[in-house]
């Protein structure tokens, strides 16, 4: 069995993965729960079912149901810390992400609390970013080209995005992309 506890940080949304049952409103400052049990391992697609703003049509969801053994393996991987950078471009990317503007919204865990150098909680946790299949809430495949496009100007890619255009230089974007892709 799965229980989702959901709340919204902005406007009314409606969580809906059709194969998992009915919709559930996701309301600012209120926690709603949704309980379901996937019958088969697989990938289940969904979408926000409430018009919630400029990028409503881009609010796609992908739920992956594992076997119990597969879930335990996934859980162990997610609990592991991010890998340490091994080359200079990746190290520069790490500095930009963990010490720059990214740190205001995102976190990357390195296993020891004092080494978890980012404190942000607004944006997604980036610890295993490189292992994700999509980015920008599921609207783009997670690859170097799309990630660079996203970092260059998030609002142009996804209108209404909370991630602002940070004015990153092309070189900074290359370093950040190199770093984020190592986070498997």
N, C-alpha and C. Protein backbone atom coordinates (compact mmCIF):
# COMPACT_ATOMS: atom_id res chain seq x y z
N UNK A 1 0.83 -1.20 0.00
CA UNK A 1 0.00 0.00 0.00
C UNK A 1 0.87 1.26 0.00
N UNK A 2 0.38 2.28 -0.65
CA UNK A 2 1.06 3.57 -0.75
C UNK A 2 0.14 4.63 -0.16
N UNK A 3 0.71 5.53 0.63
CA UNK A 3 -0.05 6.68 1.11
C UNK A 3 0.72 7.93 0.73
N UNK A 4 0.08 8.80 -0.02
CA UNK A 4 0.65 10.10 -0.36
C UNK A 4 0.03 11.14 0.55
N UNK A 5 0.87 11.97 1.14
CA UNK A 5 0.43 13.12 1.93
C UNK A 5 0.83 14.35 1.12
N UNK A 6 -0.15 15.11 0.67
CA UNK A 6 0.12 16.17 -0.30
C UNK A 6 -0.40 17.51 0.19
N UNK A 7 0.40 18.55 -0.11
CA UNK A 7 -0.02 19.92 0.10
C UNK A 7 0.57 20.76 -1.02
N UNK A 8 0.08 21.95 -1.19
CA UNK A 8 0.56 22.83 -2.25
C UNK A 8 1.21 24.06 -1.65
N UNK A 9 2.24 24.53 -2.32
CA UNK A 9 2.90 25.75 -1.89
C UNK A 9 2.40 26.97 -2.62
N UNK A 10 1.45 26.80 -3.54
CA UNK A 10 1.01 27.96 -4.31
C UNK A 10 -0.50 27.98 -4.53
N UNK A 11 -1.02 27.18 -5.44
CA UNK A 11 -2.44 27.22 -5.81
C UNK A 11 -3.03 25.82 -5.71
N UNK A 12 -4.32 25.73 -5.96
CA UNK A 12 -5.01 24.44 -5.96
C UNK A 12 -4.53 23.60 -7.14
N UNK A 13 -4.18 22.36 -6.86
CA UNK A 13 -3.83 21.37 -7.87
C UNK A 13 -4.73 20.16 -7.65
N UNK A 14 -4.71 19.21 -8.57
CA UNK A 14 -5.45 17.97 -8.40
C UNK A 14 -4.59 16.82 -8.90
N UNK A 15 -4.10 16.00 -7.97
CA UNK A 15 -3.23 14.87 -8.28
C UNK A 15 -4.08 13.77 -8.90
N UNK A 16 -3.65 13.27 -10.08
CA UNK A 16 -4.46 12.25 -10.74
C UNK A 16 -3.59 11.32 -11.56
N UNK A 17 -3.50 10.09 -11.13
CA UNK A 17 -2.92 9.01 -11.93
C UNK A 17 -4.07 8.02 -12.12
N UNK A 18 -4.72 8.04 -13.31
CA UNK A 18 -5.97 7.29 -13.50
C UNK A 18 -5.94 5.84 -13.03
N UNK A 19 -4.87 5.11 -13.29
CA UNK A 19 -4.83 3.69 -12.92
C UNK A 19 -4.78 3.49 -11.41
N UNK A 20 -4.53 4.55 -10.65
CA UNK A 20 -4.44 4.43 -9.19
C UNK A 20 -5.68 4.95 -8.50
N UNK A 21 -6.74 5.19 -9.25
CA UNK A 21 -7.99 5.59 -8.62
C UNK A 21 -8.31 7.05 -8.87
N UNK A 22 -9.10 7.60 -7.99
CA UNK A 22 -9.62 8.95 -8.17
C UNK A 22 -8.61 10.06 -7.98
N UNK A 23 -9.08 11.25 -8.25
CA UNK A 23 -8.26 12.45 -8.09
C UNK A 23 -8.26 12.87 -6.62
N UNK A 24 -7.24 13.64 -6.28
CA UNK A 24 -7.18 14.19 -4.92
C UNK A 24 -6.72 15.63 -5.05
N UNK A 25 -7.50 16.55 -4.49
CA UNK A 25 -7.10 17.95 -4.51
C UNK A 25 -5.87 18.15 -3.64
N UNK A 26 -5.01 19.01 -4.12
CA UNK A 26 -3.79 19.38 -3.40
C UNK A 26 -3.93 20.87 -3.13
N UNK A 27 -4.15 21.20 -1.87
CA UNK A 27 -4.60 22.53 -1.47
C UNK A 27 -3.52 23.23 -0.65
N UNK A 28 -3.30 24.52 -0.89
CA UNK A 28 -2.33 25.25 -0.06
C UNK A 28 -2.71 25.18 1.42
N UNK A 29 -1.70 24.96 2.26
CA UNK A 29 -1.85 24.96 3.72
C UNK A 29 -2.79 23.88 4.27
N UNK A 30 -3.02 22.83 3.49
CA UNK A 30 -3.85 21.71 3.96
C UNK A 30 -3.20 20.42 3.46
N UNK A 31 -3.14 19.41 4.29
CA UNK A 31 -2.59 18.12 3.88
C UNK A 31 -3.74 17.17 3.55
N UNK A 32 -3.75 16.69 2.32
CA UNK A 32 -4.71 15.66 1.90
C UNK A 32 -3.95 14.37 1.65
N UNK A 33 -4.60 13.25 1.90
CA UNK A 33 -3.94 11.96 1.68
C UNK A 33 -4.65 11.21 0.56
N UNK A 34 -3.89 10.35 -0.08
CA UNK A 34 -4.42 9.45 -1.10
C UNK A 34 -3.77 8.10 -0.86
N UNK A 35 -4.59 7.06 -0.71
CA UNK A 35 -4.10 5.70 -0.48
C UNK A 35 -4.43 4.85 -1.71
N UNK A 36 -3.46 4.04 -2.12
CA UNK A 36 -3.70 3.12 -3.23
C UNK A 36 -2.67 2.00 -3.17
N UNK A 37 -2.95 0.93 -3.89
CA UNK A 37 -2.02 -0.20 -3.98
C UNK A 37 -1.87 -0.57 -5.45
N UNK A 38 -0.70 -0.31 -6.04
CA UNK A 38 -0.49 -0.73 -7.43
C UNK A 38 -0.57 -2.26 -7.52
N UNK A 39 -1.31 -2.76 -8.49
CA UNK A 39 -1.48 -4.20 -8.64
C UNK A 39 -0.30 -4.84 -9.37
N UNK A 40 0.35 -4.08 -10.24
CA UNK A 40 1.44 -4.61 -11.06
C UNK A 40 2.60 -3.62 -11.07
N UNK A 41 3.85 -4.12 -11.09
CA UNK A 41 4.98 -3.22 -11.31
C UNK A 41 4.84 -2.57 -12.69
N UNK A 42 5.29 -1.34 -12.81
CA UNK A 42 5.22 -0.66 -14.10
C UNK A 42 5.28 0.83 -13.94
N UNK A 43 5.13 1.51 -15.06
CA UNK A 43 5.13 2.97 -15.10
C UNK A 43 3.70 3.42 -15.33
N UNK A 44 3.24 4.32 -14.47
CA UNK A 44 1.88 4.84 -14.54
C UNK A 44 1.96 6.35 -14.72
N UNK A 45 1.24 6.86 -15.71
CA UNK A 45 1.31 8.28 -16.03
C UNK A 45 0.08 9.01 -15.51
N UNK A 46 0.30 10.27 -15.14
CA UNK A 46 -0.78 11.10 -14.66
C UNK A 46 -0.52 12.55 -14.97
N UNK A 47 -1.38 13.40 -14.45
CA UNK A 47 -1.27 14.83 -14.71
C UNK A 47 -2.11 15.58 -13.70
N UNK A 48 -1.76 16.83 -13.48
CA UNK A 48 -2.60 17.69 -12.65
C UNK A 48 -3.95 17.84 -13.36
N UNK A 49 -5.03 17.64 -12.63
CA UNK A 49 -6.36 17.67 -13.22
C UNK A 49 -7.15 18.93 -12.84
N UNK A 50 -6.45 19.94 -12.38
CA UNK A 50 -7.08 21.21 -12.01
C UNK A 50 -6.33 22.33 -12.72
N UNK A 51 -7.04 23.20 -13.45
CA UNK A 51 -6.34 24.30 -14.10
C UNK A 51 -5.70 25.15 -13.01
N UNK A 52 -4.37 25.22 -13.06
CA UNK A 52 -3.64 25.83 -11.95
C UNK A 52 -2.68 26.94 -12.38
N UNK A 53 -2.70 27.32 -13.63
CA UNK A 53 -1.83 28.40 -14.07
C UNK A 53 -1.28 28.16 -15.46
N UNK A 54 -0.32 29.01 -15.83
CA UNK A 54 0.23 29.01 -17.19
C UNK A 54 0.76 27.66 -17.65
N UNK A 55 1.36 26.91 -16.76
CA UNK A 55 1.99 25.65 -17.16
C UNK A 55 1.18 24.43 -16.74
N UNK A 56 -0.12 24.61 -16.55
CA UNK A 56 -0.97 23.49 -16.12
C UNK A 56 -0.81 22.27 -17.03
N UNK A 57 -0.84 22.48 -18.32
CA UNK A 57 -0.75 21.35 -19.26
C UNK A 57 0.60 20.66 -19.20
N UNK A 58 1.58 21.30 -18.58
CA UNK A 58 2.92 20.72 -18.48
C UNK A 58 3.14 19.98 -17.16
N UNK A 59 2.13 19.92 -16.30
CA UNK A 59 2.28 19.25 -15.00
C UNK A 59 1.98 17.77 -15.13
N UNK A 60 2.94 17.07 -15.67
CA UNK A 60 2.79 15.63 -15.88
C UNK A 60 3.43 14.87 -14.72
N UNK A 61 2.97 13.65 -14.51
CA UNK A 61 3.50 12.81 -13.42
C UNK A 61 3.84 11.44 -13.98
N UNK A 62 4.86 10.84 -13.40
CA UNK A 62 5.24 9.48 -13.74
C UNK A 62 5.47 8.75 -12.42
N UNK A 63 4.65 7.74 -12.18
CA UNK A 63 4.82 6.93 -10.99
C UNK A 63 5.39 5.58 -11.42
N UNK A 64 6.45 5.17 -10.75
CA UNK A 64 7.06 3.88 -11.04
C UNK A 64 6.76 2.95 -9.88
N UNK A 65 6.07 1.86 -10.17
CA UNK A 65 5.77 0.84 -9.16
C UNK A 65 6.76 -0.30 -9.33
N UNK A 66 7.47 -0.61 -8.27
CA UNK A 66 8.47 -1.69 -8.28
C UNK A 66 7.91 -2.94 -7.60
N UNK A 67 8.59 -4.05 -7.81
CA UNK A 67 8.36 -5.21 -6.96
C UNK A 67 8.87 -4.83 -5.57
N UNK A 68 8.50 -5.56 -4.52
CA UNK A 68 9.04 -5.23 -3.19
C UNK A 68 10.57 -5.23 -3.17
N UNK A 69 11.20 -6.18 -3.86
CA UNK A 69 12.66 -6.24 -3.90
C UNK A 69 13.23 -5.04 -4.66
N UNK A 70 12.61 -4.72 -5.80
CA UNK A 70 13.05 -3.57 -6.59
C UNK A 70 12.90 -2.27 -5.83
N UNK A 71 11.83 -2.17 -5.04
CA UNK A 71 11.63 -0.97 -4.23
C UNK A 71 12.72 -0.84 -3.18
N UNK A 72 13.09 -1.94 -2.53
CA UNK A 72 14.15 -1.89 -1.51
C UNK A 72 15.47 -1.45 -2.14
N UNK A 73 15.76 -1.94 -3.34
CA UNK A 73 16.98 -1.53 -4.04
C UNK A 73 16.94 -0.04 -4.36
N UNK A 74 15.79 0.44 -4.86
CA UNK A 74 15.63 1.87 -5.16
C UNK A 74 15.81 2.70 -3.89
N UNK A 75 15.21 2.24 -2.79
CA UNK A 75 15.29 2.95 -1.52
C UNK A 75 16.73 3.05 -1.02
N UNK A 76 17.49 1.96 -1.13
CA UNK A 76 18.91 1.98 -0.73
C UNK A 76 19.68 3.01 -1.56
N UNK A 77 19.44 3.02 -2.86
CA UNK A 77 20.14 3.98 -3.72
C UNK A 77 19.77 5.42 -3.35
N UNK A 78 18.50 5.68 -3.12
CA UNK A 78 18.07 7.04 -2.78
C UNK A 78 18.61 7.50 -1.44
N UNK A 79 18.85 6.57 -0.53
CA UNK A 79 19.39 6.92 0.79
C UNK A 79 20.89 7.15 0.76
N UNK A 80 21.54 6.74 -0.32
CA UNK A 80 22.99 6.91 -0.41
C UNK A 80 23.33 8.36 -0.74
N UNK A 81 24.49 8.82 -0.28
CA UNK A 81 24.89 10.21 -0.55
C UNK A 81 25.27 10.41 -2.01
N UNK A 82 25.31 11.66 -2.41
CA UNK A 82 25.76 12.01 -3.76
C UNK A 82 27.24 11.65 -3.91
N UNK A 83 27.65 11.26 -5.11
CA UNK A 83 29.07 10.93 -5.31
C UNK A 83 29.94 12.19 -5.25
N UNK A 84 31.16 12.03 -4.81
CA UNK A 84 32.10 13.16 -4.76
C UNK A 84 32.57 13.48 -6.18
N UNK A 85 32.72 14.77 -6.51
CA UNK A 85 33.21 15.15 -7.84
C UNK A 85 34.61 14.62 -8.10
N UNK A 86 34.88 14.25 -9.37
CA UNK A 86 36.18 13.67 -9.70
C UNK A 86 36.99 14.49 -10.69
N UNK A 87 36.40 15.45 -11.37
CA UNK A 87 37.21 16.26 -12.28
C UNK A 87 36.89 17.74 -12.08
N UNK A 88 37.71 18.59 -12.67
CA UNK A 88 37.62 20.03 -12.37
C UNK A 88 36.30 20.65 -12.82
N UNK A 89 35.77 20.27 -13.98
CA UNK A 89 34.50 20.84 -14.44
C UNK A 89 33.38 20.47 -13.47
N UNK A 90 33.38 19.22 -13.01
CA UNK A 90 32.36 18.77 -12.08
C UNK A 90 32.52 19.48 -10.73
N UNK A 91 33.76 19.68 -10.28
CA UNK A 91 34.00 20.40 -9.02
C UNK A 91 33.51 21.85 -9.11
N UNK A 92 33.77 22.50 -10.25
CA UNK A 92 33.28 23.86 -10.43
C UNK A 92 31.76 23.89 -10.44
N UNK A 93 31.14 22.90 -11.09
CA UNK A 93 29.69 22.80 -11.10
C UNK A 93 29.13 22.61 -9.70
N UNK A 94 29.80 21.78 -8.91
CA UNK A 94 29.36 21.56 -7.52
C UNK A 94 29.40 22.88 -6.75
N UNK A 95 30.48 23.63 -6.91
CA UNK A 95 30.58 24.92 -6.21
C UNK A 95 29.45 25.85 -6.61
N UNK A 96 29.14 25.91 -7.91
CA UNK A 96 28.06 26.78 -8.37
C UNK A 96 26.71 26.36 -7.78
N UNK A 97 26.47 25.06 -7.72
CA UNK A 97 25.18 24.57 -7.21
C UNK A 97 25.09 24.71 -5.70
N UNK A 98 26.14 24.32 -4.98
CA UNK A 98 26.05 24.26 -3.52
C UNK A 98 26.41 25.56 -2.82
N UNK A 99 27.07 26.47 -3.50
CA UNK A 99 27.46 27.74 -2.87
C UNK A 99 26.80 28.94 -3.54
N UNK A 100 26.21 28.75 -4.71
CA UNK A 100 25.62 29.85 -5.46
C UNK A 100 24.13 29.98 -5.22
N UNK A 101 23.46 30.62 -6.18
CA UNK A 101 22.03 30.88 -6.06
C UNK A 101 21.20 29.61 -5.97
N UNK A 102 21.68 28.51 -6.57
CA UNK A 102 20.93 27.24 -6.54
C UNK A 102 20.65 26.80 -5.10
N UNK A 103 21.61 27.06 -4.21
CA UNK A 103 21.51 26.60 -2.82
C UNK A 103 20.35 27.24 -2.07
N UNK A 104 19.84 28.33 -2.57
CA UNK A 104 18.71 28.97 -1.91
C UNK A 104 17.43 28.14 -2.00
N UNK A 105 17.35 27.27 -3.01
CA UNK A 105 16.13 26.49 -3.23
C UNK A 105 16.34 24.98 -3.24
N UNK A 106 17.55 24.53 -3.54
CA UNK A 106 17.82 23.09 -3.72
C UNK A 106 18.79 22.57 -2.68
N UNK A 107 18.72 21.26 -2.42
CA UNK A 107 19.62 20.59 -1.51
C UNK A 107 20.28 19.42 -2.23
N UNK A 108 21.54 19.16 -1.88
CA UNK A 108 22.27 17.97 -2.33
C UNK A 108 22.87 17.35 -1.08
N UNK A 109 22.53 16.09 -0.80
CA UNK A 109 23.03 15.41 0.40
C UNK A 109 24.35 14.70 0.10
N UNK A 110 25.29 14.82 1.02
CA UNK A 110 26.58 14.15 0.89
C UNK A 110 26.82 13.17 2.02
N UNK A 111 25.80 12.77 2.74
CA UNK A 111 25.92 11.71 3.74
C UNK A 111 26.12 12.17 5.16
N UNK A 112 26.81 13.26 5.37
CA UNK A 112 27.06 13.78 6.71
C UNK A 112 26.41 15.16 6.76
N UNK A 113 25.62 15.40 7.79
CA UNK A 113 24.84 16.64 7.85
C UNK A 113 25.69 17.88 7.59
N UNK A 114 26.87 17.97 8.20
CA UNK A 114 27.69 19.17 8.00
C UNK A 114 28.20 19.29 6.57
N UNK A 115 28.18 18.17 5.81
CA UNK A 115 28.60 18.22 4.42
C UNK A 115 27.43 18.47 3.47
N UNK A 116 26.23 18.50 3.98
CA UNK A 116 25.07 18.82 3.14
C UNK A 116 25.08 20.33 2.96
N UNK A 117 25.83 20.77 1.97
CA UNK A 117 26.18 22.18 1.88
C UNK A 117 25.06 23.07 1.37
N UNK A 118 24.00 22.52 0.85
CA UNK A 118 22.90 23.39 0.44
C UNK A 118 21.78 23.28 1.46
N UNK A 119 21.09 24.37 1.66
CA UNK A 119 20.06 24.43 2.69
C UNK A 119 18.67 24.64 2.12
N UNK A 120 18.56 24.84 0.81
CA UNK A 120 17.28 25.15 0.21
C UNK A 120 16.28 24.02 0.32
N UNK A 121 15.02 24.37 0.40
CA UNK A 121 13.97 23.37 0.47
C UNK A 121 12.82 23.70 -0.48
N UNK A 122 12.90 24.76 -1.23
CA UNK A 122 11.82 25.16 -2.13
C UNK A 122 11.79 24.31 -3.38
N UNK A 123 12.96 24.10 -3.98
CA UNK A 123 13.04 23.32 -5.21
C UNK A 123 13.30 21.86 -4.92
N UNK A 124 13.30 21.04 -5.96
CA UNK A 124 13.54 19.60 -5.77
C UNK A 124 14.91 19.30 -5.18
N UNK A 125 14.98 18.23 -4.41
CA UNK A 125 16.25 17.70 -3.91
C UNK A 125 17.03 17.20 -5.13
N UNK A 126 18.28 17.60 -5.26
CA UNK A 126 19.08 17.25 -6.44
C UNK A 126 20.05 16.10 -6.21
N UNK A 127 19.98 15.43 -5.05
CA UNK A 127 20.98 14.43 -4.69
C UNK A 127 21.18 13.37 -5.76
N UNK A 128 20.14 12.86 -6.37
CA UNK A 128 20.25 11.83 -7.41
C UNK A 128 19.69 12.34 -8.74
N UNK A 129 19.89 13.62 -9.00
CA UNK A 129 19.33 14.25 -10.19
C UNK A 129 19.69 13.52 -11.48
N UNK A 130 20.93 13.07 -11.60
CA UNK A 130 21.38 12.43 -12.83
C UNK A 130 20.68 11.13 -13.16
N UNK A 131 20.03 10.52 -12.18
CA UNK A 131 19.32 9.27 -12.43
C UNK A 131 17.86 9.49 -12.82
N UNK A 132 17.41 10.73 -12.82
CA UNK A 132 16.02 11.01 -13.19
C UNK A 132 15.85 10.95 -14.70
N UNK A 133 14.69 10.53 -15.13
CA UNK A 133 14.42 10.41 -16.57
C UNK A 133 13.98 11.72 -17.20
N UNK A 134 13.37 12.58 -16.39
CA UNK A 134 12.86 13.84 -16.92
C UNK A 134 13.29 14.99 -16.01
N UNK A 135 13.08 16.20 -16.51
CA UNK A 135 13.32 17.39 -15.69
C UNK A 135 12.21 18.39 -15.93
N UNK A 136 12.22 19.45 -15.15
CA UNK A 136 11.20 20.50 -15.24
C UNK A 136 9.79 19.91 -15.06
N UNK A 137 9.63 19.13 -14.00
CA UNK A 137 8.34 18.51 -13.67
C UNK A 137 7.83 17.62 -14.80
N UNK A 138 8.75 16.92 -15.45
CA UNK A 138 8.37 15.91 -16.42
C UNK A 138 8.16 16.38 -17.84
N UNK A 139 8.47 17.64 -18.16
CA UNK A 139 8.18 18.12 -19.51
C UNK A 139 9.30 17.86 -20.51
N UNK A 140 10.50 17.51 -20.02
CA UNK A 140 11.64 17.30 -20.92
C UNK A 140 12.42 16.07 -20.48
N UNK A 141 13.00 15.36 -21.46
CA UNK A 141 13.91 14.28 -21.12
C UNK A 141 15.12 14.87 -20.41
N UNK A 142 15.66 14.14 -19.45
CA UNK A 142 16.82 14.60 -18.70
C UNK A 142 18.09 14.24 -19.48
N UNK A 143 18.57 15.19 -20.27
CA UNK A 143 19.84 15.03 -20.98
C UNK A 143 20.56 16.37 -20.95
N UNK A 144 21.82 16.37 -21.36
CA UNK A 144 22.66 17.57 -21.25
C UNK A 144 22.07 18.75 -22.02
N UNK A 145 21.59 18.51 -23.22
CA UNK A 145 21.05 19.60 -24.05
C UNK A 145 19.82 20.24 -23.40
N UNK A 146 18.88 19.42 -22.95
CA UNK A 146 17.67 19.96 -22.33
C UNK A 146 17.97 20.63 -20.99
N UNK A 147 18.88 20.06 -20.23
CA UNK A 147 19.24 20.66 -18.95
C UNK A 147 19.88 22.03 -19.17
N UNK A 148 20.75 22.15 -20.16
CA UNK A 148 21.36 23.45 -20.47
C UNK A 148 20.29 24.46 -20.89
N UNK A 149 19.35 24.03 -21.71
CA UNK A 149 18.25 24.91 -22.14
C UNK A 149 17.44 25.38 -20.93
N UNK A 150 17.14 24.45 -20.02
CA UNK A 150 16.39 24.78 -18.81
C UNK A 150 17.15 25.79 -17.95
N UNK A 151 18.43 25.54 -17.72
CA UNK A 151 19.23 26.43 -16.87
C UNK A 151 19.41 27.81 -17.49
N UNK A 152 19.41 27.88 -18.81
CA UNK A 152 19.59 29.17 -19.50
C UNK A 152 18.42 30.11 -19.21
N UNK A 153 17.18 29.57 -19.24
CA UNK A 153 16.01 30.43 -19.03
C UNK A 153 14.78 29.57 -18.68
N UNK A 154 14.66 29.15 -17.42
CA UNK A 154 13.54 28.29 -17.03
C UNK A 154 12.15 28.83 -17.40
N UNK A 155 11.86 30.13 -17.18
CA UNK A 155 10.52 30.62 -17.53
C UNK A 155 10.21 30.54 -19.03
N UNK A 156 11.23 30.57 -19.88
CA UNK A 156 10.98 30.43 -21.31
C UNK A 156 10.61 29.00 -21.67
N UNK A 157 11.15 28.04 -20.91
CA UNK A 157 10.86 26.63 -21.15
C UNK A 157 9.51 26.25 -20.54
N UNK A 158 9.25 26.75 -19.34
CA UNK A 158 8.02 26.42 -18.63
C UNK A 158 7.46 27.69 -17.99
N UNK A 159 6.58 28.40 -18.71
CA UNK A 159 6.01 29.63 -18.17
C UNK A 159 5.36 29.38 -16.81
N UNK A 160 5.58 30.30 -15.89
CA UNK A 160 5.03 30.17 -14.55
C UNK A 160 5.91 29.38 -13.61
N UNK A 161 7.06 28.92 -14.10
CA UNK A 161 7.98 28.16 -13.25
C UNK A 161 8.45 29.01 -12.09
N UNK A 162 8.64 28.37 -10.93
CA UNK A 162 9.16 29.11 -9.78
C UNK A 162 10.66 29.37 -9.92
N UNK A 163 11.33 28.61 -10.79
CA UNK A 163 12.76 28.81 -10.96
C UNK A 163 12.98 30.01 -11.89
N UNK A 164 13.66 31.04 -11.40
CA UNK A 164 13.87 32.23 -12.21
C UNK A 164 15.04 32.06 -13.17
N UNK A 165 15.13 32.97 -14.11
CA UNK A 165 16.32 33.06 -14.96
C UNK A 165 17.41 33.69 -14.09
N UNK A 166 18.45 32.91 -13.81
CA UNK A 166 19.52 33.38 -12.92
C UNK A 166 20.62 34.13 -13.67
N UNK A 167 20.48 34.27 -14.98
CA UNK A 167 21.50 34.97 -15.75
C UNK A 167 22.82 34.23 -15.80
N UNK A 168 22.76 32.90 -15.79
CA UNK A 168 23.99 32.10 -15.83
C UNK A 168 24.70 32.25 -17.17
N UNK A 169 26.01 32.30 -17.11
CA UNK A 169 26.83 32.34 -18.33
C UNK A 169 26.90 30.93 -18.91
N UNK A 170 27.16 30.83 -20.21
CA UNK A 170 27.23 29.52 -20.87
C UNK A 170 28.24 28.60 -20.20
N UNK A 171 29.38 29.16 -19.80
CA UNK A 171 30.41 28.35 -19.14
C UNK A 171 29.90 27.81 -17.80
N UNK A 172 29.20 28.64 -17.04
CA UNK A 172 28.64 28.19 -15.76
C UNK A 172 27.61 27.08 -15.99
N UNK A 173 26.81 27.23 -17.02
CA UNK A 173 25.82 26.21 -17.35
C UNK A 173 26.50 24.89 -17.68
N UNK A 174 27.59 24.93 -18.45
CA UNK A 174 28.32 23.70 -18.79
C UNK A 174 28.82 23.01 -17.52
N UNK A 175 29.36 23.78 -16.58
CA UNK A 175 29.85 23.20 -15.32
C UNK A 175 28.71 22.59 -14.50
N UNK A 176 27.61 23.31 -14.40
CA UNK A 176 26.46 22.81 -13.63
C UNK A 176 25.90 21.54 -14.26
N UNK A 177 25.78 21.52 -15.58
CA UNK A 177 25.30 20.32 -16.27
C UNK A 177 26.23 19.15 -16.00
N UNK A 178 27.54 19.38 -16.11
CA UNK A 178 28.52 18.31 -15.86
C UNK A 178 28.34 17.75 -14.45
N UNK A 179 28.16 18.63 -13.48
CA UNK A 179 27.99 18.20 -12.09
C UNK A 179 26.69 17.44 -11.89
N UNK A 180 25.57 18.03 -12.31
CA UNK A 180 24.27 17.40 -12.06
C UNK A 180 24.16 16.03 -12.72
N UNK A 181 24.81 15.85 -13.86
CA UNK A 181 24.73 14.55 -14.53
C UNK A 181 25.49 13.46 -13.77
N UNK A 182 26.41 13.84 -12.88
CA UNK A 182 27.13 12.82 -12.09
C UNK A 182 26.33 12.35 -10.89
N UNK A 183 25.27 13.06 -10.55
CA UNK A 183 24.50 12.74 -9.34
C UNK A 183 23.53 11.59 -9.62
N UNK A 184 24.06 10.39 -9.59
CA UNK A 184 23.26 9.19 -9.93
C UNK A 184 22.82 8.45 -8.67
